[in-house]
Amino acid sequence: MTEFEAFKLFLVDHTGLAKDALHIYVALAVYLGSCLIFRWKTRQWQPWCLVLLAALMGEAWDLLGALERGGPLQWDATRKDLWNTMLVPTLLLVLSRTTTIFGARAGRSAARRKSGN
């Protein structure tokens, strides 16, 4: 078992969350945390890309661990983990770009009305 796998099991044991739920929470932490740290907006691609990078790295680490143990590569589990990780960040990105739920579009519309455009 790799240190990464041991850490994930530690989190599962000490939070009471399933591994699938951890993917969602980690994705939210990376997405919203990167928005706070780098002052990115939820409608920008950068936070979403950072979550994707983290998810791909985590899954690669899992696959390498399986190879080291001589076990089979579980592509279905990898696909499911990527789905669980990327769903909420994708929804946040799409909603923030296409609706006024985060206030960005409403602010732009008000600015256009003031400038006469």
PDB file of N, CA and C in Angstrom:
ATOM      1  N   MET A   1       0.846  -1.179   0.000  1.00  0.00           N
ATOM      2  CA  MET A   1       0.000   0.000   0.000  1.00  0.00           C
ATOM      3  C   MET A   1       0.893   1.245   0.000  1.00  0.00           C
ATOM      4  N   THR A   2       0.593   2.158  -0.897  1.00  0.00           N
ATOM      5  CA  THR A   2       1.372   3.390  -0.976  1.00  0.00           C
ATOM      6  C   THR A   2       0.976   4.338   0.159  1.00  0.00           C
ATOM      7  N   GLU A   3       1.811   5.331   0.403  1.00  0.00           N
ATOM      8  CA  GLU A   3       1.500   6.331   1.427  1.00  0.00           C
ATOM      9  C   GLU A   3       0.218   7.089   1.072  1.00  0.00           C
ATOM     10  N   PHE A   4       0.008   7.323  -0.208  1.00  0.00           N
ATOM     11  CA  PHE A   4      -1.187   8.010  -0.665  1.00  0.00           C
ATOM     12  C   PHE A   4      -2.432   7.201  -0.324  1.00  0.00           C
ATOM     13  N   GLU A   5      -2.376   5.889  -0.593  1.00  0.00           N
ATOM     14  CA  GLU A   5      -3.510   5.025  -0.276  1.00  0.00           C
ATOM     15  C   GLU A   5      -3.736   4.960   1.233  1.00  0.00           C
ATOM     16  N   ALA A   6      -2.650   4.905   1.994  1.00  0.00           N
ATOM     17  CA  ALA A   6      -2.771   4.874   3.457  1.00  0.00           C
ATOM     18  C   ALA A   6      -3.409   6.167   3.969  1.00  0.00           C
ATOM     19  N   PHE A   7      -3.039   7.296   3.372  1.00  0.00           N
ATOM     20  CA  PHE A   7      -3.624   8.578   3.777  1.00  0.00           C
ATOM     21  C   PHE A   7      -5.115   8.611   3.455  1.00  0.00           C
ATOM     22  N   LYS A   8      -5.498   8.109   2.279  1.00  0.00           N
ATOM     23  CA  LYS A   8      -6.921   8.073   1.923  1.00  0.00           C
ATOM     24  C   LYS A   8      -7.700   7.190   2.900  1.00  0.00           C
ATOM     25  N   LEU A   9      -7.141   6.045   3.259  1.00  0.00           N
ATOM     26  CA  LEU A   9      -7.816   5.172   4.221  1.00  0.00           C
ATOM     27  C   LEU A   9      -7.910   5.834   5.597  1.00  0.00           C
ATOM     28  N   PHE A  10      -6.864   6.566   5.974  1.00  0.00           N
ATOM     29  CA  PHE A  10      -6.892   7.327   7.235  1.00  0.00           C
ATOM     30  C   PHE A  10      -8.053   8.316   7.211  1.00  0.00           C
ATOM     31  N   LEU A  11      -8.210   9.044   6.103  1.00  0.00           N
ATOM     32  CA  LEU A  11      -9.304  10.009   5.995  1.00  0.00           C
ATOM     33  C   LEU A  11     -10.670   9.323   6.065  1.00  0.00           C
ATOM     34  N   VAL A  12     -10.802   8.196   5.379  1.00  0.00           N
ATOM     35  CA  VAL A  12     -12.065   7.458   5.411  1.00  0.00           C
ATOM     36  C   VAL A  12     -12.372   7.012   6.835  1.00  0.00           C
ATOM     37  N   ASP A  13     -11.374   6.467   7.516  1.00  0.00           N
ATOM     38  CA  ASP A  13     -11.582   5.970   8.880  1.00  0.00           C
ATOM     39  C   ASP A  13     -11.897   7.083   9.869  1.00  0.00           C
ATOM     40  N   HIS A  14     -11.280   8.243   9.699  1.00  0.00           N
ATOM     41  CA  HIS A  14     -11.418   9.310  10.700  1.00  0.00           C
ATOM     42  C   HIS A  14     -12.473  10.355  10.381  1.00  0.00           C
ATOM     43  N   THR A  15     -13.019  10.331   9.186  1.00  0.00           N
ATOM     44  CA  THR A  15     -14.085  11.287   8.860  1.00  0.00           C
ATOM     45  C   THR A  15     -15.454  10.615   8.793  1.00  0.00           C
ATOM     46  N   GLY A  16     -15.462   9.305   8.646  1.00  0.00           N
ATOM     47  CA  GLY A  16     -16.722   8.600   8.504  1.00  0.00           C
ATOM     48  C   GLY A  16     -17.333   8.734   7.115  1.00  0.00           C
ATOM     49  N   LEU A  17     -16.578   9.306   6.186  1.00  0.00           N
ATOM     50  CA  LEU A  17     -17.058   9.479   4.815  1.00  0.00           C
ATOM     51  C   LEU A  17     -16.598   8.326   3.938  1.00  0.00           C
ATOM     52  N   ALA A  18     -17.381   8.014   2.949  1.00  0.00           N
ATOM     53  CA  ALA A  18     -16.974   7.015   1.964  1.00  0.00           C
ATOM     54  C   ALA A  18     -15.916   7.614   1.039  1.00  0.00           C
ATOM     55  N   LYS A  19     -15.164   6.756   0.373  1.00  0.00           N
ATOM     56  CA  LYS A  19     -14.148   7.248  -0.567  1.00  0.00           C
ATOM     57  C   LYS A  19     -14.763   8.127  -1.645  1.00  0.00           C
ATOM     58  N   ASP A  20     -15.948   7.753  -2.129  1.00  0.00           N
ATOM     59  CA  ASP A  20     -16.605   8.555  -3.171  1.00  0.00           C
ATOM     60  C   ASP A  20     -16.927   9.956  -2.664  1.00  0.00           C
ATOM     61  N   ALA A  21     -17.378  10.061  -1.426  1.00  0.00           N
ATOM     62  CA  ALA A  21     -17.685  11.370  -0.845  1.00  0.00           C
ATOM     63  C   ALA A  21     -16.414  12.196  -0.684  1.00  0.00           C
ATOM     64  N   LEU A  22     -15.318  11.549  -0.338  1.00  0.00           N
ATOM     65  CA  LEU A  22     -14.054  12.284  -0.208  1.00  0.00           C
ATOM     66  C   LEU A  22     -13.650  12.938  -1.518  1.00  0.00           C
ATOM     67  N   HIS A  23     -13.911  12.270  -2.633  1.00  0.00           N
ATOM     68  CA  HIS A  23     -13.587  12.859  -3.934  1.00  0.00           C
ATOM     69  C   HIS A  23     -14.334  14.183  -4.104  1.00  0.00           C
ATOM     70  N   ILE A  24     -15.582  14.204  -3.700  1.00  0.00           N
ATOM     71  CA  ILE A  24     -16.395  15.413  -3.849  1.00  0.00           C
ATOM     72  C   ILE A  24     -15.874  16.515  -2.940  1.00  0.00           C
ATOM     73  N   TYR A  25     -15.584  16.188  -1.691  1.00  0.00           N
ATOM     74  CA  TYR A  25     -15.096  17.198  -0.752  1.00  0.00           C
ATOM     75  C   TYR A  25     -13.723  17.738  -1.149  1.00  0.00           C
ATOM     76  N   VAL A  26     -12.849  16.860  -1.580  1.00  0.00           N
ATOM     77  CA  VAL A  26     -11.522  17.316  -2.015  1.00  0.00           C
ATOM     78  C   VAL A  26     -11.651  18.216  -3.245  1.00  0.00           C
ATOM     79  N   ALA A  27     -12.521  17.844  -4.168  1.00  0.00           N
ATOM     80  CA  ALA A  27     -12.732  18.667  -5.366  1.00  0.00           C
ATOM     81  C   ALA A  27     -13.229  20.056  -4.977  1.00  0.00           C
ATOM     82  N   LEU A  28     -14.186  20.114  -4.058  1.00  0.00           N
ATOM     83  CA  LEU A  28     -14.694  21.417  -3.610  1.00  0.00           C
ATOM     84  C   LEU A  28     -13.608  22.223  -2.907  1.00  0.00           C
ATOM     85  N   ALA A  29     -12.819  21.563  -2.087  1.00  0.00           N
ATOM     86  CA  ALA A  29     -11.738  22.257  -1.379  1.00  0.00           C
ATOM     87  C   ALA A  29     -10.719  22.827  -2.364  1.00  0.00           C
ATOM     88  N   VAL A  30     -10.356  22.047  -3.367  1.00  0.00           N
ATOM     89  CA  VAL A  30      -9.385  22.524  -4.358  1.00  0.00           C
ATOM     90  C   VAL A  30      -9.991  23.653  -5.188  1.00  0.00           C
ATOM     91  N   TYR A  31     -11.230  23.482  -5.627  1.00  0.00           N
ATOM     92  CA  TYR A  31     -11.886  24.481  -6.480  1.00  0.00           C
ATOM     93  C   TYR A  31     -12.054  25.808  -5.740  1.00  0.00           C
ATOM     94  N   LEU A  32     -12.719  25.745  -4.600  1.00  0.00           N
ATOM     95  CA  LEU A  32     -12.977  26.983  -3.853  1.00  0.00           C
ATOM     96  C   LEU A  32     -11.713  27.527  -3.197  1.00  0.00           C
ATOM     97  N   GLY A  33     -10.851  26.628  -2.747  1.00  0.00           N
ATOM     98  CA  GLY A  33      -9.581  27.076  -2.161  1.00  0.00           C
ATOM     99  C   GLY A  33      -8.716  27.808  -3.162  1.00  0.00           C
ATOM    100  N   SER A  34      -8.665  27.307  -4.397  1.00  0.00           N
ATOM    101  CA  SER A  34      -7.863  27.989  -5.420  1.00  0.00           C
ATOM    102  C   SER A  34      -8.479  29.342  -5.774  1.00  0.00           C
ATOM    103  N   CYS A  35      -9.813  29.423  -5.719  1.00  0.00           N
ATOM    104  CA  CYS A  35     -10.463  30.726  -5.957  1.00  0.00           C
ATOM    105  C   CYS A  35     -10.059  31.723  -4.877  1.00  0.00           C
ATOM    106  N   LEU A  36     -10.002  31.270  -3.646  1.00  0.00           N
ATOM    107  CA  LEU A  36      -9.609  32.159  -2.550  1.00  0.00           C
ATOM    108  C   LEU A  36      -8.128  32.529  -2.615  1.00  0.00           C
ATOM    109  N   ILE A  37      -7.292  31.529  -2.790  1.00  0.00           N
ATOM    110  CA  ILE A  37      -5.843  31.758  -2.752  1.00  0.00           C
ATOM    111  C   ILE A  37      -5.365  32.591  -3.934  1.00  0.00           C
ATOM    112  N   PHE A  38      -5.818  32.243  -5.139  1.00  0.00           N
ATOM    113  CA  PHE A  38      -5.346  32.913  -6.345  1.00  0.00           C
ATOM    114  C   PHE A  38      -6.268  34.033  -6.817  1.00  0.00           C
ATOM    115  N   ARG A  39      -7.352  34.260  -6.070  1.00  0.00           N
ATOM    116  CA  ARG A  39      -8.345  35.281  -6.407  1.00  0.00           C
ATOM    117  C   ARG A  39      -8.971  35.048  -7.787  1.00  0.00           C
ATOM    118  N   TRP A  40      -9.142  33.766  -8.105  1.00  0.00           N
ATOM    119  CA  TRP A  40      -9.827  33.402  -9.332  1.00  0.00           C
ATOM    120  C   TRP A  40     -11.321  33.468  -9.095  1.00  0.00           C
ATOM    121  N   LYS A  41     -12.058  33.659 -10.148  1.00  0.00           N
ATOM    122  CA  LYS A  41     -13.522  33.651 -10.091  1.00  0.00           C
ATOM    123  C   LYS A  41     -14.016  32.245 -10.437  1.00  0.00           C
ATOM    124  N   THR A  42     -15.171  31.893  -9.909  1.00  0.00           N
ATOM    125  CA  THR A  42     -15.712  30.559 -10.190  1.00  0.00           C
ATOM    126  C   THR A  42     -16.042  30.384 -11.668  1.00  0.00           C
ATOM    127  N   ARG A  43     -16.209  31.486 -12.399  1.00  0.00           N
ATOM    128  CA  ARG A  43     -16.529  31.384 -13.824  1.00  0.00           C
ATOM    129  C   ARG A  43     -15.283  31.217 -14.693  1.00  0.00           C
ATOM    130  N   GLN A  44     -14.094  31.303 -14.094  1.00  0.00           N
ATOM    131  CA  GLN A  44     -12.860  31.131 -14.849  1.00  0.00           C
ATOM    132  C   GLN A  44     -12.515  29.639 -14.961  1.00  0.00           C
ATOM    133  N   TRP A  45     -11.715  29.295 -15.962  1.00  0.00           N
ATOM    134  CA  TRP A  45     -11.348  27.903 -16.196  1.00  0.00           C
ATOM    135  C   TRP A  45     -10.262  27.406 -15.248  1.00  0.00           C
ATOM    136  N   GLN A  46      -9.458  28.298 -14.700  1.00  0.00           N
ATOM    137  CA  GLN A  46      -8.304  27.886 -13.904  1.00  0.00           C
ATOM    138  C   GLN A  46      -8.660  26.988 -12.714  1.00  0.00           C
ATOM    139  N   PRO A  47      -9.659  27.334 -11.882  1.00  0.00           N
ATOM    140  CA  PRO A  47      -9.955  26.438 -10.757  1.00  0.00           C
ATOM    141  C   PRO A  47     -10.423  25.058 -11.211  1.00  0.00           C
ATOM    142  N   TRP A  48     -11.214  25.022 -12.274  1.00  0.00           N
ATOM    143  CA  TRP A  48     -11.689  23.749 -12.806  1.00  0.00           C
ATOM    144  C   TRP A  48     -10.513  22.910 -13.299  1.00  0.00           C
ATOM    145  N   CYS A  49      -9.599  23.547 -14.009  1.00  0.00           N
ATOM    146  CA  CYS A  49      -8.424  22.836 -14.514  1.00  0.00           C
ATOM    147  C   CYS A  49      -7.548  22.323 -13.385  1.00  0.00           C
ATOM    148  N   LEU A  50      -7.439  23.083 -12.307  1.00  0.00           N
ATOM    149  CA  LEU A  50      -6.648  22.637 -11.163  1.00  0.00           C
ATOM    150  C   LEU A  50      -7.269  21.397 -10.521  1.00  0.00           C
ATOM    151  N   VAL A  51      -8.591  21.361 -10.416  1.00  0.00           N
ATOM    152  CA  VAL A  51      -9.276  20.172  -9.892  1.00  0.00           C
ATOM    153  C   VAL A  51      -9.034  18.984 -10.820  1.00  0.00           C
ATOM    154  N   LEU A  52      -9.142  19.206 -12.124  1.00  0.00           N
ATOM    155  CA  LEU A  52      -8.900  18.122 -13.081  1.00  0.00           C
ATOM    156  C   LEU A  52      -7.472  17.598 -12.950  1.00  0.00           C
ATOM    157  N   LEU A  53      -6.511  18.490 -12.833  1.00  0.00           N
ATOM    158  CA  LEU A  53      -5.120  18.081 -12.676  1.00  0.00           C
ATOM    159  C   LEU A  53      -4.943  17.250 -11.402  1.00  0.00           C
ATOM    160  N   ALA A  54      -5.521  17.713 -10.293  1.00  0.00           N
ATOM    161  CA  ALA A  54      -5.421  16.979  -9.032  1.00  0.00           C
ATOM    162  C   ALA A  54      -6.086  15.606  -9.148  1.00  0.00           C
ATOM    163  N   ALA A  55      -7.240  15.549  -9.809  1.00  0.00           N
ATOM    164  CA  ALA A  55      -7.954  14.278  -9.974  1.00  0.00           C
ATOM    165  C   ALA A  55      -7.146  13.307 -10.831  1.00  0.00           C
ATOM    166  N   LEU A  56      -6.594  13.800 -11.917  1.00  0.00           N
ATOM    167  CA  LEU A  56      -5.802  12.933 -12.797  1.00  0.00           C
ATOM    168  C   LEU A  56      -4.544  12.436 -12.091  1.00  0.00           C
ATOM    169  N   MET A  57      -3.916  13.306 -11.323  1.00  0.00           N
ATOM    170  CA  MET A  57      -2.723  12.893 -10.577  1.00  0.00           C
ATOM    171  C   MET A  57      -3.081  11.840  -9.529  1.00  0.00           C
ATOM    172  N   GLY A  58      -4.189  12.044  -8.821  1.00  0.00           N
ATOM    173  CA  GLY A  58      -4.616  11.073  -7.820  1.00  0.00           C
ATOM    174  C   GLY A  58      -4.932   9.722  -8.431  1.00  0.00           C
ATOM    175  N   GLU A  59      -5.609   9.730  -9.565  1.00  0.00           N
ATOM    176  CA  GLU A  59      -5.943   8.474 -10.229  1.00  0.00           C
ATOM    177  C   GLU A  59      -4.699   7.799 -10.793  1.00  0.00           C
ATOM    178  N   ALA A  60      -3.765   8.579 -11.309  1.00  0.00           N
ATOM    179  CA  ALA A  60      -2.507   8.003 -11.792  1.00  0.00           C
ATOM    180  C   ALA A  60      -1.764   7.340 -10.638  1.00  0.00           C
ATOM    181  N   TRP A  61      -1.782   7.987  -9.481  1.00  0.00           N
ATOM    182  CA  TRP A  61      -1.123   7.434  -8.298  1.00  0.00           C
ATOM    183  C   TRP A  61      -1.793   6.112  -7.898  1.00  0.00           C
ATOM    184  N   ASP A  62      -3.127   6.083  -7.948  1.00  0.00           N
ATOM    185  CA  ASP A  62      -3.854   4.849  -7.646  1.00  0.00           C
ATOM    186  C   ASP A  62      -3.490   3.737  -8.632  1.00  0.00           C
ATOM    187  N   LEU A  63      -3.430   4.071  -9.914  1.00  0.00           N
ATOM    188  CA  LEU A  63      -3.099   3.067 -10.928  1.00  0.00           C
ATOM    189  C   LEU A  63      -1.670   2.561 -10.762  1.00  0.00           C
ATOM    190  N   LEU A  64      -0.752   3.459 -10.424  1.00  0.00           N
ATOM    191  CA  LEU A  64       0.627   3.038 -10.183  1.00  0.00           C
ATOM    192  C   LEU A  64       0.707   2.109  -8.981  1.00  0.00           C
ATOM    193  N   GLY A  65      -0.070   2.414  -7.945  1.00  0.00           N
ATOM    194  CA  GLY A  65      -0.110   1.538  -6.772  1.00  0.00           C
ATOM    195  C   GLY A  65      -0.612   0.154  -7.130  1.00  0.00           C
ATOM    196  N   ALA A  66      -1.629   0.085  -7.984  1.00  0.00           N
ATOM    197  CA  ALA A  66      -2.156  -1.210  -8.422  1.00  0.00           C
ATOM    198  C   ALA A  66      -1.105  -1.969  -9.226  1.00  0.00           C
ATOM    199  N   LEU A  67      -0.365  -1.258 -10.074  1.00  0.00           N
ATOM    200  CA  LEU A  67       0.698  -1.910 -10.848  1.00  0.00           C
ATOM    201  C   LEU A  67       1.794  -2.448  -9.939  1.00  0.00           C
ATOM    202  N   GLU A  68       2.162  -1.664  -8.919  1.00  0.00           N
ATOM    203  CA  GLU A  68       3.203  -2.102  -7.989  1.00  0.00           C
ATOM    204  C   GLU A  68       2.784  -3.359  -7.233  1.00  0.00           C
ATOM    205  N   ARG A  69       1.500  -3.462  -6.917  1.00  0.00           N
ATOM    206  CA  ARG A  69       1.000  -4.637  -6.207  1.00  0.00           C
ATOM    207  C   ARG A  69       0.763  -5.807  -7.153  1.00  0.00           C
ATOM    208  N   GLY A  70       0.856  -5.573  -8.442  1.00  0.00           N
ATOM    209  CA  GLY A  70       0.612  -6.625  -9.417  1.00  0.00           C
ATOM    210  C   GLY A  70      -0.864  -6.896  -9.634  1.00  0.00           C
ATOM    211  N   GLY A  71      -1.699  -5.974  -9.177  1.00  0.00           N
ATOM    212  CA  GLY A  71      -3.138  -6.140  -9.330  1.00  0.00           C
ATOM    213  C   GLY A  71      -3.617  -5.612 -10.664  1.00  0.00           C
ATOM    214  N   PRO A  72      -4.879  -5.863 -10.970  1.00  0.00           N
ATOM    215  CA  PRO A  72      -5.437  -5.369 -12.230  1.00  0.00           C
ATOM    216  C   PRO A  72      -5.711  -3.865 -12.159  1.00  0.00           C
ATOM    217  N   LEU A  73      -5.640  -3.222 -13.293  1.00  0.00           N
ATOM    218  CA  LEU A  73      -5.989  -1.809 -13.363  1.00  0.00           C
ATOM    219  C   LEU A  73      -7.509  -1.709 -13.435  1.00  0.00           C
ATOM    220  N   GLN A  74      -8.089  -0.987 -12.518  1.00  0.00           N
ATOM    221  CA  GLN A  74      -9.543  -0.893 -12.421  1.00  0.00           C
ATOM    222  C   GLN A  74     -10.024   0.382 -13.104  1.00  0.00           C
ATOM    223  N   TRP A  75     -10.194   0.287 -14.416  1.00  0.00           N
ATOM    224  CA  TRP A  75     -10.554   1.454 -15.213  1.00  0.00           C
ATOM    225  C   TRP A  75     -11.959   1.949 -14.879  1.00  0.00           C
ATOM    226  N   ASP A  76     -12.873   1.058 -14.545  1.00  0.00           N
ATOM    227  CA  ASP A  76     -14.229   1.486 -14.178  1.00  0.00           C
ATOM    228  C   ASP A  76     -14.209   2.319 -12.906  1.00  0.00           C
ATOM    229  N   ALA A  77     -13.409   1.904 -11.937  1.00  0.00           N
ATOM    230  CA  ALA A  77     -13.283   2.662 -10.686  1.00  0.00           C
ATOM    231  C   ALA A  77     -12.637   4.018 -10.952  1.00  0.00           C
ATOM    232  N   THR A  78     -11.652   4.046 -11.833  1.00  0.00           N
ATOM    233  CA  THR A  78     -10.989   5.303 -12.184  1.00  0.00           C
ATOM    234  C   THR A  78     -11.974   6.257 -12.841  1.00  0.00           C
ATOM    235  N   ARG A  79     -12.768   5.733 -13.755  1.00  0.00           N
ATOM    236  CA  ARG A  79     -13.769   6.554 -14.441  1.00  0.00           C
ATOM    237  C   ARG A  79     -14.794   7.105 -13.445  1.00  0.00           C
ATOM    238  N   LYS A  80     -15.240   6.255 -12.525  1.00  0.00           N
ATOM    239  CA  LYS A  80     -16.211   6.680 -11.518  1.00  0.00           C
ATOM    240  C   LYS A  80     -15.610   7.746 -10.597  1.00  0.00           C
ATOM    241  N   ASP A  81     -14.362   7.568 -10.198  1.00  0.00           N
ATOM    242  CA  ASP A  81     -13.699   8.555  -9.337  1.00  0.00           C
ATOM    243  C   ASP A  81     -13.566   9.904 -10.040  1.00  0.00           C
ATOM    244  N   LEU A  82     -13.211   9.875 -11.320  1.00  0.00           N
ATOM    245  CA  LEU A  82     -13.101  11.132 -12.068  1.00  0.00           C
ATOM    246  C   LEU A  82     -14.466  11.803 -12.196  1.00  0.00           C
ATOM    247  N   TRP A  83     -15.501  11.020 -12.434  1.00  0.00           N
ATOM    248  CA  TRP A  83     -16.863  11.561 -12.505  1.00  0.00           C
ATOM    249  C   TRP A  83     -17.234  12.219 -11.174  1.00  0.00           C
ATOM    250  N   ASN A  84     -17.037  11.494 -10.069  1.00  0.00           N
ATOM    251  CA  ASN A  84     -17.375  12.041  -8.750  1.00  0.00           C
ATOM    252  C   ASN A  84     -16.593  13.314  -8.442  1.00  0.00           C
ATOM    253  N   THR A  85     -15.341  13.333  -8.844  1.00  0.00           N
ATOM    254  CA  THR A  85     -14.491  14.486  -8.542  1.00  0.00           C
ATOM    255  C   THR A  85     -14.871  15.702  -9.375  1.00  0.00           C
ATOM    256  N   MET A  86     -15.196  15.509 -10.636  1.00  0.00           N
ATOM    257  CA  MET A  86     -15.384  16.636 -11.545  1.00  0.00           C
ATOM    258  C   MET A  86     -16.816  17.144 -11.651  1.00  0.00           C
ATOM    259  N   LEU A  87     -17.798  16.398 -11.160  1.00  0.00           N
ATOM    260  CA  LEU A  87     -19.186  16.790 -11.348  1.00  0.00           C
ATOM    261  C   LEU A  87     -19.503  18.152 -10.729  1.00  0.00           C
ATOM    262  N   VAL A  88     -19.231  18.324  -9.461  1.00  0.00           N
ATOM    263  CA  VAL A  88     -19.606  19.574  -8.792  1.00  0.00           C
ATOM    264  C   VAL A  88     -18.792  20.762  -9.314  1.00  0.00           C
ATOM    265  N   PRO A  89     -17.466  20.647  -9.482  1.00  0.00           N
ATOM    266  CA  PRO A  89     -16.744  21.776 -10.079  1.00  0.00           C
ATOM    267  C   PRO A  89     -17.258  22.144 -11.472  1.00  0.00           C
ATOM    268  N   THR A  90     -17.654  21.144 -12.254  1.00  0.00           N
ATOM    269  CA  THR A  90     -18.201  21.419 -13.584  1.00  0.00           C
ATOM    270  C   THR A  90     -19.522  22.164 -13.478  1.00  0.00           C
ATOM    271  N   LEU A  91     -20.375  21.720 -12.554  1.00  0.00           N
ATOM    272  CA  LEU A  91     -21.643  22.426 -12.338  1.00  0.00           C
ATOM    273  C   LEU A  91     -21.407  23.862 -11.883  1.00  0.00           C
ATOM    274  N   LEU A  92     -20.468  24.061 -10.962  1.00  0.00           N
ATOM    275  CA  LEU A  92     -20.166  25.420 -10.497  1.00  0.00           C
ATOM    276  C   LEU A  92     -19.675  26.297 -11.644  1.00  0.00           C
ATOM    277  N   LEU A  93     -18.805  25.757 -12.469  1.00  0.00           N
ATOM    278  CA  LEU A  93     -18.281  26.517 -13.606  1.00  0.00           C
ATOM    279  C   LEU A  93     -19.402  26.877 -14.572  1.00  0.00           C
ATOM    280  N   VAL A  94     -20.209  25.901 -14.943  1.00  0.00           N
ATOM    281  CA  VAL A  94     -21.281  26.149 -15.915  1.00  0.00           C
ATOM    282  C   VAL A  94     -22.307  27.122 -15.339  1.00  0.00           C
ATOM    283  N   LEU A  95     -22.724  26.919 -14.102  1.00  0.00           N
ATOM    284  CA  LEU A  95     -23.712  27.811 -13.494  1.00  0.00           C
ATOM    285  C   LEU A  95     -23.183  29.235 -13.356  1.00  0.00           C
ATOM    286  N   SER A  96     -21.918  29.369 -12.986  1.00  0.00           N
ATOM    287  CA  SER A  96     -21.372  30.720 -12.820  1.00  0.00           C
ATOM    288  C   SER A  96     -21.172  31.427 -14.157  1.00  0.00           C
ATOM    289  N   ARG A  97     -21.034  30.672 -15.225  1.00  0.00           N
ATOM    290  CA  ARG A  97     -20.865  31.273 -16.554  1.00  0.00           C
ATOM    291  C   ARG A  97     -22.182  31.535 -17.264  1.00  0.00           C
ATOM    292  N   THR A  98     -23.245  30.833 -16.875  1.00  0.00           N
ATOM    293  CA  THR A  98     -24.487  30.918 -17.648  1.00  0.00           C
ATOM    294  C   THR A  98     -25.680  31.472 -16.870  1.00  0.00           C
ATOM    295  N   THR A  99     -25.523  31.689 -15.573  1.00  0.00           N
ATOM    296  CA  THR A  99     -26.639  32.192 -14.768  1.00  0.00           C
ATOM    297  C   THR A  99     -26.175  33.363 -13.911  1.00  0.00           C
ATOM    298  N   THR A 100     -27.108  33.951 -13.212  1.00  0.00           N
ATOM    299  CA  THR A 100     -26.778  35.034 -12.278  1.00  0.00           C
ATOM    300  C   THR A 100     -26.665  34.526 -10.845  1.00  0.00           C
ATOM    301  N   ILE A 101     -26.596  33.212 -10.665  1.00  0.00           N
ATOM    302  CA  ILE A 101     -26.596  32.635  -9.328  1.00  0.00           C
ATOM    303  C   ILE A 101     -25.429  33.143  -8.465  1.00  0.00           C
ATOM    304  N   PHE A 102     -24.289  33.463  -9.075  1.00  0.00           N
ATOM    305  CA  PHE A 102     -23.151  33.988  -8.338  1.00  0.00           C
ATOM    306  C   PHE A 102     -23.013  35.500  -8.488  1.00  0.00           C
ATOM    307  N   GLY A 103     -23.949  36.125  -9.158  1.00  0.00           N
ATOM    308  CA  GLY A 103     -23.981  37.571  -9.264  1.00  0.00           C
ATOM    309  C   GLY A 103     -23.101  38.177 -10.338  1.00  0.00           C
ATOM    310  N   ALA A 104     -22.288  37.400 -11.006  1.00  0.00           N
ATOM    311  CA  ALA A 104     -21.353  37.959 -11.986  1.00  0.00           C
ATOM    312  C   ALA A 104     -22.068  38.541 -13.194  1.00  0.00           C
ATOM    313  N   ARG A 105     -23.007  37.819 -13.730  1.00  0.00           N
ATOM    314  CA  ARG A 105     -23.733  38.310 -14.905  1.00  0.00           C
ATOM    315  C   ARG A 105     -24.564  39.539 -14.552  1.00  0.00           C
ATOM    316  N   ALA A 106     -25.191  39.528 -13.381  1.00  0.00           N
ATOM    317  CA  ALA A 106     -26.010  40.665 -12.976  1.00  0.00           C
ATOM    318  C   ALA A 106     -25.161  41.920 -12.867  1.00  0.00           C
ATOM    319  N   GLY A 107     -23.945  41.786 -12.360  1.00  0.00           N
ATOM    320  CA  GLY A 107     -23.048  42.928 -12.242  1.00  0.00           C
ATOM    321  C   GLY A 107     -22.649  43.475 -13.596  1.00  0.00           C
ATOM    322  N   ARG A 108     -22.386  42.594 -14.547  1.00  0.00           N
ATOM    323  CA  ARG A 108     -22.017  43.032 -15.892  1.00  0.00           C
ATOM    324  C   ARG A 108     -23.182  43.720 -16.580  1.00  0.00           C
ATOM    325  N   SER A 109     -24.389  43.185 -16.400  1.00  0.00           N
ATOM    326  CA  SER A 109     -25.567  43.798 -17.018  1.00  0.00           C
ATOM    327  C   SER A 109     -25.809  45.184 -16.470  1.00  0.00           C
ATOM    328  N   ALA A 110     -25.636  45.365 -15.166  1.00  0.00           N
ATOM    329  CA  ALA A 110     -25.827  46.683 -14.557  1.00  0.00           C
ATOM    330  C   ALA A 110     -24.786  47.669 -15.081  1.00  0.00           C
ATOM    331  N   ALA A 111     -23.551  47.214 -15.253  1.00  0.00           N
ATOM    332  CA  ALA A 111     -22.493  48.075 -15.767  1.00  0.00           C
ATOM    333  C   ALA A 111     -22.793  48.492 -17.217  1.00  0.00           C
ATOM    334  N   ARG A 112     -23.331  47.565 -18.011  1.00  0.00           N
ATOM    335  CA  ARG A 112     -23.685  47.901 -19.393  1.00  0.00           C
ATOM    336  C   ARG A 112     -24.805  48.926 -19.452  1.00  0.00           C
ATOM    337  N   ARG A 113     -25.804  48.799 -18.573  1.00  0.00           N
ATOM    338  CA  ARG A 113     -26.905  49.750 -18.568  1.00  0.00           C
ATOM    339  C   ARG A 113     -26.411  51.157 -18.214  1.00  0.00           C
ATOM    340  N   LYS A 114     -25.484  51.229 -17.275  1.00  0.00           N
ATOM    341  CA  LYS A 114     -24.939  52.530 -16.868  1.00  0.00           C
ATOM    342  C   LYS A 114     -24.147  53.166 -17.999  1.00  0.00           C
ATOM    343  N   SER A 115     -23.413  52.340 -18.774  1.00  0.00           N
ATOM    344  CA  SER A 115     -22.596  52.903 -19.841  1.00  0.00           C
ATOM    345  C   SER A 115     -23.390  53.137 -21.124  1.00  0.00           C
ATOM    346  N   GLY A 116     -24.632  52.664 -21.157  1.00  0.00           N
ATOM    347  CA  GLY A 116     -25.464  52.879 -22.324  1.00  0.00           C
ATOM    348  C   GLY A 116     -25.309  51.837 -23.407  1.00  0.00           C
ATOM    349  N   ASN A 117     -24.570  50.726 -23.142  1.00  0.00           N
ATOM    350  CA  ASN A 117     -24.372  49.659 -24.139  1.00  0.00           C
ATOM    351  C   ASN A 117     -25.448  48.650 -24.072  1.00  0.00           C
TER     352      ASN A 117
END
